[in-house]
Amino acid sequence: MSAGQVLVAVLFTVSLGLVAAVEIASRREGSRVPSLGDVCGVVMRYRVGPLPVGRIAMFGFWWWLGWHLLAR
């Protein structure tokens, strides 16, 4: 494994840890931090006229993520 691959793996692990920490913080009683599900719900409702831009953006994000993490 090269140093670049190790760095990417460490950064990916740190980012997953931060997402988990924010999700845990959002689940506390009286927290003003929105959960990941709340954020996704707001994005999914976004529309520009009849075009569901939020749904297209979420589809594109998951497609990009799957392509980069699962296609190799």
C-alpha atoms as a PDB file:
ATOM      1  CA  MET A   1       0.000   0.000   0.000  1.00  0.00           C
ATOM      2  CA  SER A   2       1.374   3.395  -0.931  1.00  0.00           C
ATOM      3  CA  ALA A   3       1.406   6.434   1.331  1.00  0.00           C
ATOM      4  CA  GLY A   4      -1.325   8.050  -0.757  1.00  0.00           C
ATOM      5  CA  GLN A   5      -3.632   5.091  -0.305  1.00  0.00           C
ATOM      6  CA  VAL A   6      -3.029   5.075   3.434  1.00  0.00           C
ATOM      7  CA  LEU A   7      -3.772   8.809   3.588  1.00  0.00           C
ATOM      8  CA  VAL A   8      -7.037   8.360   1.681  1.00  0.00           C
ATOM      9  CA  ALA A   9      -8.058   5.467   3.935  1.00  0.00           C
ATOM     10  CA  VAL A  10      -7.329   7.538   7.052  1.00  0.00           C
ATOM     11  CA  LEU A  11      -9.247  10.550   5.714  1.00  0.00           C
ATOM     12  CA  PHE A  12     -12.186   8.343   4.766  1.00  0.00           C
ATOM     13  CA  THR A  13     -12.234   6.809   8.253  1.00  0.00           C
ATOM     14  CA  VAL A  14     -12.051  10.239   9.895  1.00  0.00           C
ATOM     15  CA  SER A  15     -14.917  11.529   7.724  1.00  0.00           C
ATOM     16  CA  LEU A  16     -17.066   8.514   8.630  1.00  0.00           C
ATOM     17  CA  GLY A  17     -16.279   9.155  12.291  1.00  0.00           C
ATOM     18  CA  LEU A  18     -17.336  12.795  11.955  1.00  0.00           C
ATOM     19  CA  VAL A  19     -20.600  11.818  10.271  1.00  0.00           C
ATOM     20  CA  ALA A  20     -21.261   9.324  13.066  1.00  0.00           C
ATOM     21  CA  ALA A  21     -20.466  11.970  15.708  1.00  0.00           C
ATOM     22  CA  VAL A  22     -22.876  14.471  14.142  1.00  0.00           C
ATOM     23  CA  GLU A  23     -25.584  11.804  13.891  1.00  0.00           C
ATOM     24  CA  ILE A  24     -25.097  10.861  17.546  1.00  0.00           C
ATOM     25  CA  ALA A  25     -25.198  14.552  18.513  1.00  0.00           C
ATOM     26  CA  SER A  26     -28.452  14.968  16.575  1.00  0.00           C
ATOM     27  CA  ARG A  27     -30.090  12.115  18.509  1.00  0.00           C
ATOM     28  CA  ARG A  28     -29.569  13.750  21.919  1.00  0.00           C
ATOM     29  CA  GLU A  29     -32.569  15.114  23.770  1.00  0.00           C
ATOM     30  CA  GLY A  30     -33.210  18.760  22.859  1.00  0.00           C
ATOM     31  CA  SER A  31     -30.518  18.838  20.168  1.00  0.00           C
ATOM     32  CA  ARG A  32     -30.767  21.525  17.488  1.00  0.00           C
ATOM     33  CA  VAL A  33     -28.501  19.555  15.129  1.00  0.00           C
ATOM     34  CA  PRO A  34     -30.523  17.950  12.313  1.00  0.00           C
ATOM     35  CA  SER A  35     -30.082  14.250  11.691  1.00  0.00           C
ATOM     36  CA  LEU A  36     -28.882  12.907   8.351  1.00  0.00           C
ATOM     37  CA  GLY A  37     -32.421  11.751   7.588  1.00  0.00           C
ATOM     38  CA  ASP A  38     -33.796  15.256   8.223  1.00  0.00           C
ATOM     39  CA  VAL A  39     -31.199  16.797   5.914  1.00  0.00           C
ATOM     40  CA  CYS A  40     -31.941  14.249   3.181  1.00  0.00           C
ATOM     41  CA  GLY A  41     -35.667  14.931   3.569  1.00  0.00           C
ATOM     42  CA  VAL A  42     -35.161  18.666   3.063  1.00  0.00           C
ATOM     43  CA  VAL A  43     -32.952  18.091   0.021  1.00  0.00           C
ATOM     44  CA  MET A  44     -35.421  15.594  -1.487  1.00  0.00           C
ATOM     45  CA  ARG A  45     -38.276  18.131  -1.262  1.00  0.00           C
ATOM     46  CA  TYR A  46     -36.351  20.824  -3.193  1.00  0.00           C
ATOM     47  CA  ARG A  47     -37.963  21.586  -6.545  1.00  0.00           C
ATOM     48  CA  VAL A  48     -37.424  24.146  -9.281  1.00  0.00           C
ATOM     49  CA  GLY A  49     -40.781  24.411 -10.977  1.00  0.00           C
ATOM     50  CA  PRO A  50     -41.885  20.901 -11.944  1.00  0.00           C
ATOM     51  CA  LEU A  51     -38.308  19.541 -11.849  1.00  0.00           C
ATOM     52  CA  PRO A  52     -37.394  17.608  -8.649  1.00  0.00           C
ATOM     53  CA  VAL A  53     -33.835  18.961  -8.425  1.00  0.00           C
ATOM     54  CA  GLY A  54     -33.266  17.570  -4.935  1.00  0.00           C
ATOM     55  CA  ARG A  55     -34.127  14.021  -5.964  1.00  0.00           C
ATOM     56  CA  ILE A  56     -31.887  14.290  -9.024  1.00  0.00           C
ATOM     57  CA  ALA A  57     -29.041  15.600  -6.845  1.00  0.00           C
ATOM     58  CA  MET A  58     -29.480  12.760  -4.323  1.00  0.00           C
ATOM     59  CA  PHE A  59     -29.546  10.187  -7.124  1.00  0.00           C
ATOM     60  CA  GLY A  60     -26.398  11.713  -8.604  1.00  0.00           C
ATOM     61  CA  PHE A  61     -24.649  11.720  -5.234  1.00  0.00           C
ATOM     62  CA  TRP A  62     -25.435   8.063  -4.541  1.00  0.00           C
ATOM     63  CA  TRP A  63     -24.447   7.123  -8.087  1.00  0.00           C
ATOM     64  CA  TRP A  64     -21.131   8.952  -7.701  1.00  0.00           C
ATOM     65  CA  LEU A  65     -20.494   7.386  -4.283  1.00  0.00           C
ATOM     66  CA  GLY A  66     -21.289   3.887  -5.491  1.00  0.00           C
ATOM     67  CA  TRP A  67     -19.167   4.325  -8.585  1.00  0.00           C
ATOM     68  CA  HIS A  68     -16.162   5.447  -6.580  1.00  0.00           C
ATOM     69  CA  LEU A  69     -16.485   2.960  -3.739  1.00  0.00           C
ATOM     70  CA  LEU A  70     -17.939  -0.146  -5.372  1.00  0.00           C
ATOM     71  CA  ALA A  71     -16.866  -0.102  -9.029  1.00  0.00           C
ATOM     72  CA  ARG A  72     -13.295  -1.093  -8.386  1.00  0.00           C
END
